[in-house]
């Protein structure tokens, strides 16, 4: 090995850190999109809910997003799972 293990790890560290940041960002985006799918496409609610439950981890930073307008929209379209959507909105915005 040209660098030895320490050299390789030092070289790899910034790439790993960057990849971890992207992974967090994409997971948060994925959860947000699943929430929108649950809310705006009630026929896909069950499938999106199951995927959200698999992907959600309360250890991730909350999504800095006011979802109240989307909840109001769900009420307007008479979504059958309003209370559960409110719960998911809280999960997304209050996870730590």
PDB file of N, CA and C in Angstrom:
ATOM      1  N   UNK A   1       0.837  -1.189   0.000  1.00  0.00           N
ATOM      2  CA  UNK A   1       0.000   0.000   0.000  1.00  0.00           C
ATOM      3  C   UNK A   1       0.877   1.247   0.000  1.00  0.00           C
ATOM      4  N   UNK A   2       0.518   2.138  -0.870  1.00  0.00           N
ATOM      5  CA  UNK A   2       1.306   3.357  -0.989  1.00  0.00           C
ATOM      6  C   UNK A   2       1.210   4.226   0.257  1.00  0.00           C
ATOM      7  N   UNK A   3       0.008   4.405   0.778  1.00  0.00           N
ATOM      8  CA  UNK A   3      -0.191   5.308   1.914  1.00  0.00           C
ATOM      9  C   UNK A   3      -0.206   4.605   3.257  1.00  0.00           C
ATOM     10  N   UNK A   4      -0.443   3.344   3.238  1.00  0.00           N
ATOM     11  CA  UNK A   4      -0.700   2.643   4.474  1.00  0.00           C
ATOM     12  C   UNK A   4      -2.156   2.854   4.864  1.00  0.00           C
ATOM     13  N   UNK A   5      -2.610   2.114   5.795  1.00  0.00           N
ATOM     14  CA  UNK A   5      -4.015   2.184   6.200  1.00  0.00           C
ATOM     15  C   UNK A   5      -4.389   3.562   6.723  1.00  0.00           C
ATOM     16  N   UNK A   6      -3.562   4.167   7.552  1.00  0.00           N
ATOM     17  CA  UNK A   6      -3.864   5.487   8.103  1.00  0.00           C
ATOM     18  C   UNK A   6      -4.026   6.521   6.996  1.00  0.00           C
ATOM     19  N   UNK A   7      -3.140   6.492   6.032  1.00  0.00           N
ATOM     20  CA  UNK A   7      -3.225   7.432   4.921  1.00  0.00           C
ATOM     21  C   UNK A   7      -4.497   7.246   4.110  1.00  0.00           C
ATOM     22  N   UNK A   8      -4.853   6.002   3.876  1.00  0.00           N
ATOM     23  CA  UNK A   8      -6.093   5.721   3.133  1.00  0.00           C
ATOM     24  C   UNK A   8      -7.321   6.187   3.905  1.00  0.00           C
ATOM     25  N   UNK A   9      -7.313   5.953   5.199  1.00  0.00           N
ATOM     26  CA  UNK A   9      -8.455   6.382   6.015  1.00  0.00           C
ATOM     27  C   UNK A   9      -8.556   7.897   6.064  1.00  0.00           C
ATOM     28  N   UNK A  10      -7.401   8.563   6.188  1.00  0.00           N
ATOM     29  CA  UNK A  10      -7.399  10.034   6.192  1.00  0.00           C
ATOM     30  C   UNK A  10      -7.929  10.574   4.875  1.00  0.00           C
ATOM     31  N   UNK A  11      -7.559   9.924   3.778  1.00  0.00           N
ATOM     32  CA  UNK A  11      -8.020  10.359   2.465  1.00  0.00           C
ATOM     33  C   UNK A  11      -9.514  10.071   2.285  1.00  0.00           C
ATOM     34  N   UNK A  12      -9.995   8.980   2.826  1.00  0.00           N
ATOM     35  CA  UNK A  12     -11.391   8.574   2.655  1.00  0.00           C
ATOM     36  C   UNK A  12     -12.347   9.336   3.566  1.00  0.00           C
ATOM     37  N   UNK A  13     -11.849   9.827   4.689  1.00  0.00           N
ATOM     38  CA  UNK A  13     -12.718  10.435   5.695  1.00  0.00           C
ATOM     39  C   UNK A  13     -13.609  11.551   5.143  1.00  0.00           C
ATOM     40  N   UNK A  14     -13.101  12.555   4.407  1.00  0.00           N
ATOM     41  CA  UNK A  14     -13.985  13.615   3.923  1.00  0.00           C
ATOM     42  C   UNK A  14     -15.044  13.103   2.954  1.00  0.00           C
ATOM     43  N   UNK A  15     -14.706  12.068   2.176  1.00  0.00           N
ATOM     44  CA  UNK A  15     -15.688  11.504   1.252  1.00  0.00           C
ATOM     45  C   UNK A  15     -16.806  10.792   2.008  1.00  0.00           C
ATOM     46  N   UNK A  16     -16.434  10.082   3.045  1.00  0.00           N
ATOM     47  CA  UNK A  16     -17.424   9.399   3.864  1.00  0.00           C
ATOM     48  C   UNK A  16     -18.330  10.410   4.560  1.00  0.00           C
ATOM     49  N   UNK A  17     -17.728  11.467   5.101  1.00  0.00           N
ATOM     50  CA  UNK A  17     -18.526  12.496   5.772  1.00  0.00           C
ATOM     51  C   UNK A  17     -19.501  13.154   4.798  1.00  0.00           C
ATOM     52  N   UNK A  18     -19.050  13.436   3.599  1.00  0.00           N
ATOM     53  CA  UNK A  18     -19.918  14.037   2.583  1.00  0.00           C
ATOM     54  C   UNK A  18     -21.050  13.068   2.215  1.00  0.00           C
ATOM     55  N   UNK A  19     -20.718  11.806   2.045  1.00  0.00           N
ATOM     56  CA  UNK A  19     -21.732  10.803   1.697  1.00  0.00           C
ATOM     57  C   UNK A  19     -22.773  10.679   2.806  1.00  0.00           C
ATOM     58  N   UNK A  20     -22.329  10.733   4.052  1.00  0.00           N
ATOM     59  CA  UNK A  20     -23.272  10.663   5.162  1.00  0.00           C
ATOM     60  C   UNK A  20     -24.211  11.859   5.176  1.00  0.00           C
ATOM     61  N   UNK A  21     -23.707  13.045   4.858  1.00  0.00           N
ATOM     62  CA  UNK A  21     -24.554  14.234   4.778  1.00  0.00           C
ATOM     63  C   UNK A  21     -25.588  14.083   3.676  1.00  0.00           C
ATOM     64  N   UNK A  22     -25.169  13.575   2.528  1.00  0.00           N
ATOM     65  CA  UNK A  22     -26.117  13.352   1.435  1.00  0.00           C
ATOM     66  C   UNK A  22     -27.172  12.326   1.832  1.00  0.00           C
ATOM     67  N   UNK A  23     -26.737  11.278   2.497  1.00  0.00           N
ATOM     68  CA  UNK A  23     -27.683  10.244   2.908  1.00  0.00           C
ATOM     69  C   UNK A  23     -28.737  10.824   3.838  1.00  0.00           C
ATOM     70  N   UNK A  24     -28.321  11.669   4.776  1.00  0.00           N
ATOM     71  CA  UNK A  24     -29.290  12.301   5.678  1.00  0.00           C
ATOM     72  C   UNK A  24     -30.247  13.188   4.902  1.00  0.00           C
ATOM     73  N   UNK A  25     -29.728  13.968   4.001  1.00  0.00           N
ATOM     74  CA  UNK A  25     -30.574  14.874   3.218  1.00  0.00           C
ATOM     75  C   UNK A  25     -31.563  14.090   2.373  1.00  0.00           C
ATOM     76  N   UNK A  26     -31.081  13.039   1.738  1.00  0.00           N
ATOM     77  CA  UNK A  26     -31.979  12.266   0.885  1.00  0.00           C
ATOM     78  C   UNK A  26     -33.024  11.513   1.695  1.00  0.00           C
ATOM     79  N   UNK A  27     -32.657  11.021   2.846  1.00  0.00           N
ATOM     80  CA  UNK A  27     -33.637  10.321   3.667  1.00  0.00           C
ATOM     81  C   UNK A  27     -34.721  11.294   4.109  1.00  0.00           C
ATOM     82  N   UNK A  28     -34.319  12.496   4.494  1.00  0.00           N
ATOM     83  CA  UNK A  28     -35.307  13.494   4.910  1.00  0.00           C
ATOM     84  C   UNK A  28     -36.213  13.857   3.739  1.00  0.00           C
ATOM     85  N   UNK A  29     -35.644  13.997   2.557  1.00  0.00           N
ATOM     86  CA  UNK A  29     -36.448  14.288   1.370  1.00  0.00           C
ATOM     87  C   UNK A  29     -37.397  13.131   1.083  1.00  0.00           C
ATOM     88  N   UNK A  30     -36.901  11.922   1.186  1.00  0.00           N
ATOM     89  CA  UNK A  30     -37.710  10.730   0.951  1.00  0.00           C
ATOM     90  C   UNK A  30     -38.901  10.684   1.908  1.00  0.00           C
ATOM     91  N   UNK A  31     -38.663  10.958   3.186  1.00  0.00           N
ATOM     92  CA  UNK A  31     -39.760  10.961   4.162  1.00  0.00           C
ATOM     93  C   UNK A  31     -40.777  12.050   3.835  1.00  0.00           C
ATOM     94  N   UNK A  32     -40.294  13.208   3.449  1.00  0.00           N
ATOM     95  CA  UNK A  32     -41.181  14.303   3.102  1.00  0.00           C
ATOM     96  C   UNK A  32     -42.053  13.926   1.901  1.00  0.00           C
ATOM     97  N   UNK A  33     -41.448  13.312   0.900  1.00  0.00           N
ATOM     98  CA  UNK A  33     -42.210  12.898  -0.274  1.00  0.00           C
ATOM     99  C   UNK A  33     -43.216  11.802   0.054  1.00  0.00           C
ATOM    100  N   UNK A  34     -42.831  10.889   0.923  1.00  0.00           N
ATOM    101  CA  UNK A  34     -43.786   9.856   1.349  1.00  0.00           C
ATOM    102  C   UNK A  34     -44.954  10.482   2.101  1.00  0.00           C
ATOM    103  N   UNK A  35     -44.675  11.486   2.923  1.00  0.00           N
ATOM    104  CA  UNK A  35     -45.748  12.193   3.629  1.00  0.00           C
ATOM    105  C   UNK A  35     -46.710  12.823   2.623  1.00  0.00           C
ATOM    106  N   UNK A  36     -46.155  13.493   1.621  1.00  0.00           N
ATOM    107  CA  UNK A  36     -47.012  14.101   0.588  1.00  0.00           C
ATOM    108  C   UNK A  36     -47.820  13.039  -0.148  1.00  0.00           C
ATOM    109  N   UNK A  37     -47.205  11.903  -0.406  1.00  0.00           N
ATOM    110  CA  UNK A  37     -47.928  10.826  -1.085  1.00  0.00           C
ATOM    111  C   UNK A  37     -49.082  10.330  -0.212  1.00  0.00           C
ATOM    112  N   UNK A  38     -48.837  10.152   1.087  1.00  0.00           N
ATOM    113  CA  UNK A  38     -49.905   9.727   1.993  1.00  0.00           C
ATOM    114  C   UNK A  38     -51.039  10.739   2.000  1.00  0.00           C
ATOM    115  N   UNK A  39     -50.665  12.011   2.001  1.00  0.00           N
ATOM    116  CA  UNK A  39     -51.647  13.073   2.152  1.00  0.00           C
ATOM    117  C   UNK A  39     -52.441  13.334   0.877  1.00  0.00           C
ATOM    118  N   UNK A  40     -51.770  13.507  -0.224  1.00  0.00           N
ATOM    119  CA  UNK A  40     -52.433  13.949  -1.445  1.00  0.00           C
ATOM    120  C   UNK A  40     -52.942  12.812  -2.332  1.00  0.00           C
ATOM    121  N   UNK A  41     -52.533  11.607  -2.051  1.00  0.00           N
ATOM    122  CA  UNK A  41     -52.979  10.459  -2.832  1.00  0.00           C
ATOM    123  C   UNK A  41     -53.507   9.380  -1.884  1.00  0.00           C
ATOM    124  N   UNK A  42     -54.702   9.598  -1.352  1.00  0.00           N
ATOM    125  CA  UNK A  42     -55.248   8.690  -0.341  1.00  0.00           C
ATOM    126  C   UNK A  42     -55.291   7.228  -0.769  1.00  0.00           C
ATOM    127  N   UNK A  43     -55.425   6.969  -2.047  1.00  0.00           N
ATOM    128  CA  UNK A  43     -55.448   5.568  -2.506  1.00  0.00           C
ATOM    129  C   UNK A  43     -54.097   4.899  -2.309  1.00  0.00           C
ATOM    130  N   UNK A  44     -53.035   5.686  -2.228  1.00  0.00           N
ATOM    131  CA  UNK A  44     -51.694   5.152  -2.007  1.00  0.00           C
ATOM    132  C   UNK A  44     -51.267   5.288  -0.547  1.00  0.00           C
ATOM    133  N   UNK A  45     -52.190   5.687   0.301  1.00  0.00           N
ATOM    134  CA  UNK A  45     -51.872   5.947   1.713  1.00  0.00           C
ATOM    135  C   UNK A  45     -51.222   4.738   2.380  1.00  0.00           C
ATOM    136  N   UNK A  46     -51.847   3.590   2.244  1.00  0.00           N
ATOM    137  CA  UNK A  46     -51.356   2.402   2.957  1.00  0.00           C
ATOM    138  C   UNK A  46     -49.926   2.050   2.535  1.00  0.00           C
ATOM    139  N   UNK A  47     -49.672   2.035   1.242  1.00  0.00           N
ATOM    140  CA  UNK A  47     -48.341   1.704   0.744  1.00  0.00           C
ATOM    141  C   UNK A  47     -47.313   2.737   1.213  1.00  0.00           C
ATOM    142  N   UNK A  48     -47.644   4.024   1.099  1.00  0.00           N
ATOM    143  CA  UNK A  48     -46.717   5.078   1.510  1.00  0.00           C
ATOM    144  C   UNK A  48     -46.482   5.034   3.019  1.00  0.00           C
ATOM    145  N   UNK A  49     -47.534   4.753   3.785  1.00  0.00           N
ATOM    146  CA  UNK A  49     -47.414   4.661   5.241  1.00  0.00           C
ATOM    147  C   UNK A  49     -46.455   3.538   5.636  1.00  0.00           C
ATOM    148  N   UNK A  50     -46.606   2.391   4.998  1.00  0.00           N
ATOM    149  CA  UNK A  50     -45.724   1.267   5.313  1.00  0.00           C
ATOM    150  C   UNK A  50     -44.267   1.598   4.997  1.00  0.00           C
ATOM    151  N   UNK A  51     -44.046   2.255   3.866  1.00  0.00           N
ATOM    152  CA  UNK A  51     -42.679   2.627   3.498  1.00  0.00           C
ATOM    153  C   UNK A  51     -42.140   3.701   4.443  1.00  0.00           C
ATOM    154  N   UNK A  52     -42.992   4.658   4.818  1.00  0.00           N
ATOM    155  CA  UNK A  52     -42.583   5.696   5.761  1.00  0.00           C
ATOM    156  C   UNK A  52     -42.170   5.054   7.084  1.00  0.00           C
ATOM    157  N   UNK A  53     -42.986   4.126   7.577  1.00  0.00           N
ATOM    158  CA  UNK A  53     -42.677   3.465   8.844  1.00  0.00           C
ATOM    159  C   UNK A  53     -41.356   2.713   8.779  1.00  0.00           C
ATOM    160  N   UNK A  54     -41.050   2.122   7.636  1.00  0.00           N
ATOM    161  CA  UNK A  54     -39.763   1.420   7.489  1.00  0.00           C
ATOM    162  C   UNK A  54     -38.598   2.404   7.453  1.00  0.00           C
ATOM    163  N   UNK A  55     -38.793   3.544   6.799  1.00  0.00           N
ATOM    164  CA  UNK A  55     -37.693   4.489   6.580  1.00  0.00           C
ATOM    165  C   UNK A  55     -37.485   5.462   7.739  1.00  0.00           C
ATOM    166  N   UNK A  56     -38.520   5.682   8.545  1.00  0.00           N
ATOM    167  CA  UNK A  56     -38.440   6.703   9.596  1.00  0.00           C
ATOM    168  C   UNK A  56     -37.536   6.260  10.732  1.00  0.00           C
ATOM    169  N   UNK A  57     -36.701   7.183  11.159  1.00  0.00           N
ATOM    170  CA  UNK A  57     -35.842   6.973  12.325  1.00  0.00           C
ATOM    171  C   UNK A  57     -35.878   8.265  13.136  1.00  0.00           C
ATOM    172  N   UNK A  58     -36.397   8.219  14.367  1.00  0.00           N
ATOM    173  CA  UNK A  58     -36.519   9.450  15.159  1.00  0.00           C
ATOM    174  C   UNK A  58     -35.178  10.084  15.520  1.00  0.00           C
ATOM    175  N   UNK A  59     -34.086   9.383  15.271  1.00  0.00           N
ATOM    176  CA  UNK A  59     -32.767   9.947  15.570  1.00  0.00           C
ATOM    177  C   UNK A  59     -32.336  10.993  14.545  1.00  0.00           C
ATOM    178  N   UNK A  60     -32.957  10.985  13.377  1.00  0.00           N
ATOM    179  CA  UNK A  60     -32.613  11.982  12.368  1.00  0.00           C
ATOM    180  C   UNK A  60     -33.135  13.340  12.766  1.00  0.00           C
ATOM    181  N   UNK A  61     -32.441  14.362  12.329  1.00  0.00           N
ATOM    182  CA  UNK A  61     -32.867  15.730  12.613  1.00  0.00           C
ATOM    183  C   UNK A  61     -34.241  15.965  11.990  1.00  0.00           C
ATOM    184  N   UNK A  62     -35.049  16.777  12.657  1.00  0.00           N
ATOM    185  CA  UNK A  62     -36.372  17.055  12.114  1.00  0.00           C
ATOM    186  C   UNK A  62     -36.291  17.815  10.788  1.00  0.00           C
ATOM    187  N   UNK A  63     -37.318  17.663   9.998  1.00  0.00           N
ATOM    188  CA  UNK A  63     -37.420  18.409   8.751  1.00  0.00           C
ATOM    189  C   UNK A  63     -37.984  19.776   9.106  1.00  0.00           C
ATOM    190  N   UNK A  64     -37.235  20.806   8.818  1.00  0.00           N
ATOM    191  CA  UNK A  64     -37.639  22.169   9.150  1.00  0.00           C
ATOM    192  C   UNK A  64     -38.675  22.619   8.131  1.00  0.00           C
ATOM    193  N   UNK A  65     -39.924  22.261   8.406  1.00  0.00           N
ATOM    194  CA  UNK A  65     -40.977  22.504   7.442  1.00  0.00           C
ATOM    195  C   UNK A  65     -42.295  22.624   8.175  1.00  0.00           C
ATOM    196  N   UNK A  66     -43.047  23.639   7.837  1.00  0.00           N
ATOM    197  CA  UNK A  66     -44.374  23.810   8.414  1.00  0.00           C
ATOM    198  C   UNK A  66     -45.358  23.020   7.559  1.00  0.00           C
ATOM    199  N   UNK A  67     -45.876  21.959   8.095  1.00  0.00           N
ATOM    200  CA  UNK A  67     -46.777  21.083   7.352  1.00  0.00           C
ATOM    201  C   UNK A  67     -48.247  21.415   7.592  1.00  0.00           C
ATOM    202  N   UNK A  68     -48.523  22.483   8.330  1.00  0.00           N
ATOM    203  CA  UNK A  68     -49.911  22.798   8.675  1.00  0.00           C
ATOM    204  C   UNK A  68     -50.758  23.099   7.442  1.00  0.00           C
ATOM    205  N   UNK A  69     -50.210  23.753   6.447  1.00  0.00           N
ATOM    206  CA  UNK A  69     -50.963  24.026   5.222  1.00  0.00           C
ATOM    207  C   UNK A  69     -51.363  22.722   4.539  1.00  0.00           C
ATOM    208  N   UNK A  70     -50.475  21.754   4.554  1.00  0.00           N
ATOM    209  CA  UNK A  70     -50.772  20.461   3.939  1.00  0.00           C
ATOM    210  C   UNK A  70     -51.854  19.719   4.724  1.00  0.00           C
ATOM    211  N   UNK A  71     -51.823  19.845   6.035  1.00  0.00           N
ATOM    212  CA  UNK A  71     -52.877  19.238   6.852  1.00  0.00           C
ATOM    213  C   UNK A  71     -54.214  19.904   6.543  1.00  0.00           C
ATOM    214  N   UNK A  72     -54.215  21.227   6.406  1.00  0.00           N
ATOM    215  CA  UNK A  72     -55.451  21.937   6.027  1.00  0.00           C
ATOM    216  C   UNK A  72     -55.965  21.436   4.680  1.00  0.00           C
ATOM    217  N   UNK A  73     -55.056  21.205   3.744  1.00  0.00           N
ATOM    218  CA  UNK A  73     -55.454  20.674   2.443  1.00  0.00           C
ATOM    219  C   UNK A  73     -56.053  19.278   2.572  1.00  0.00           C
ATOM    220  N   UNK A  74     -55.485  18.474   3.451  1.00  0.00           N
ATOM    221  CA  UNK A  74     -56.024  17.126   3.671  1.00  0.00           C
ATOM    222  C   UNK A  74     -57.442  17.201   4.222  1.00  0.00           C
ATOM    223  N   UNK A  75     -57.680  18.166   5.087  1.00  0.00           N
ATOM    224  CA  UNK A  75     -59.034  18.362   5.626  1.00  0.00           C
ATOM    225  C   UNK A  75     -59.976  18.774   4.502  1.00  0.00           C
ATOM    226  N   UNK A  76     -59.516  19.684   3.635  1.00  0.00           N
ATOM    227  CA  UNK A  76     -60.350  20.146   2.520  1.00  0.00           C
ATOM    228  C   UNK A  76     -60.724  19.011   1.576  1.00  0.00           C
ATOM    229  N   UNK A  77     -59.800  18.106   1.329  1.00  0.00           N
ATOM    230  CA  UNK A  77     -60.116  16.999   0.424  1.00  0.00           C
ATOM    231  C   UNK A  77     -60.735  15.817   1.161  1.00  0.00           C
ATOM    232  N   UNK A  78     -61.008  16.022   2.440  1.00  0.00           N
ATOM    233  CA  UNK A  78     -61.656  15.015   3.295  1.00  0.00           C
ATOM    234  C   UNK A  78     -60.892  13.692   3.296  1.00  0.00           C
ATOM    235  N   UNK A  79     -59.605  13.819   3.544  1.00  0.00           N
ATOM    236  CA  UNK A  79     -58.756  12.626   3.643  1.00  0.00           C
ATOM    237  C   UNK A  79     -59.266  11.771   4.801  1.00  0.00           C
ATOM    238  N   UNK A  80     -59.389  10.468   4.601  1.00  0.00           N
ATOM    239  CA  UNK A  80     -59.932   9.605   5.659  1.00  0.00           C
ATOM    240  C   UNK A  80     -59.010   9.388   6.861  1.00  0.00           C
ATOM    241  N   UNK A  81     -57.765   9.797   6.776  1.00  0.00           N
ATOM    242  CA  UNK A  81     -56.794   9.544   7.854  1.00  0.00           C
ATOM    243  C   UNK A  81     -56.195  10.841   8.408  1.00  0.00           C
ATOM    244  N   UNK A  82     -57.018  11.853   8.631  1.00  0.00           N
ATOM    245  CA  UNK A  82     -56.535  13.167   9.080  1.00  0.00           C
ATOM    246  C   UNK A  82     -55.706  13.056  10.360  1.00  0.00           C
ATOM    247  N   UNK A  83     -56.218  12.380  11.349  1.00  0.00           N
ATOM    248  CA  UNK A  83     -55.506  12.302  12.638  1.00  0.00           C
ATOM    249  C   UNK A  83     -54.154  11.608  12.487  1.00  0.00           C
ATOM    250  N   UNK A  84     -54.113  10.580  11.687  1.00  0.00           N
ATOM    251  CA  UNK A  84     -52.827   9.894  11.473  1.00  0.00           C
ATOM    252  C   UNK A  84     -51.857  10.790  10.711  1.00  0.00           C
ATOM    253  N   UNK A  85     -52.364  11.560   9.749  1.00  0.00           N
ATOM    254  CA  UNK A  85     -51.499  12.486   9.023  1.00  0.00           C
ATOM    255  C   UNK A  85     -50.921  13.536   9.969  1.00  0.00           C
ATOM    256  N   UNK A  86     -51.740  14.011  10.892  1.00  0.00           N
ATOM    257  CA  UNK A  86     -51.249  14.965  11.894  1.00  0.00           C
ATOM    258  C   UNK A  86     -50.137  14.330  12.721  1.00  0.00           C
ATOM    259  N   UNK A  87     -50.322  13.068  13.063  1.00  0.00           N
ATOM    260  CA  UNK A  87     -49.306  12.341  13.832  1.00  0.00           C
ATOM    261  C   UNK A  87     -48.002  12.227  13.034  1.00  0.00           C
ATOM    262  N   UNK A  88     -48.106  11.905  11.758  1.00  0.00           N
ATOM    263  CA  UNK A  88     -46.906  11.801  10.921  1.00  0.00           C
ATOM    264  C   UNK A  88     -46.239  13.159  10.752  1.00  0.00           C
ATOM    265  N   UNK A  89     -47.022  14.202  10.618  1.00  0.00           N
ATOM    266  CA  UNK A  89     -46.453  15.557  10.514  1.00  0.00           C
ATOM    267  C   UNK A  89     -45.660  15.880  11.778  1.00  0.00           C
ATOM    268  N   UNK A  90     -46.192  15.509  12.937  1.00  0.00           N
ATOM    269  CA  UNK A  90     -45.458  15.723  14.195  1.00  0.00           C
ATOM    270  C   UNK A  90     -44.183  14.884  14.230  1.00  0.00           C
ATOM    271  N   UNK A  91     -44.274  13.641  13.774  1.00  0.00           N
ATOM    272  CA  UNK A  91     -43.090  12.762  13.761  1.00  0.00           C
ATOM    273  C   UNK A  91     -41.967  13.405  12.946  1.00  0.00           C
ATOM    274  N   UNK A  92     -42.329  13.907  11.774  1.00  0.00           N
ATOM    275  CA  UNK A  92     -41.320  14.481  10.891  1.00  0.00           C
ATOM    276  C   UNK A  92     -40.708  15.724  11.507  1.00  0.00           C
ATOM    277  N   UNK A  93     -41.535  16.574  12.080  1.00  0.00           N
ATOM    278  CA  UNK A  93     -41.028  17.872  12.540  1.00  0.00           C
ATOM    279  C   UNK A  93     -40.473  17.842  13.956  1.00  0.00           C
ATOM    280  N   UNK A  94     -40.724  16.792  14.704  1.00  0.00           N
ATOM    281  CA  UNK A  94     -40.253  16.738  16.090  1.00  0.00           C
ATOM    282  C   UNK A  94     -39.223  15.648  16.345  1.00  0.00           C
ATOM    283  N   UNK A  95     -38.816  14.906  15.324  1.00  0.00           N
ATOM    284  CA  UNK A  95     -37.840  13.858  15.556  1.00  0.00           C
ATOM    285  C   UNK A  95     -36.518  14.472  15.988  1.00  0.00           C
ATOM    286  N   UNK A  96     -35.779  13.749  16.761  1.00  0.00           N
ATOM    287  CA  UNK A  96     -34.508  14.275  17.290  1.00  0.00           C
ATOM    288  C   UNK A  96     -33.391  13.324  16.937  1.00  0.00           C
TER     289      UNK A  96
END
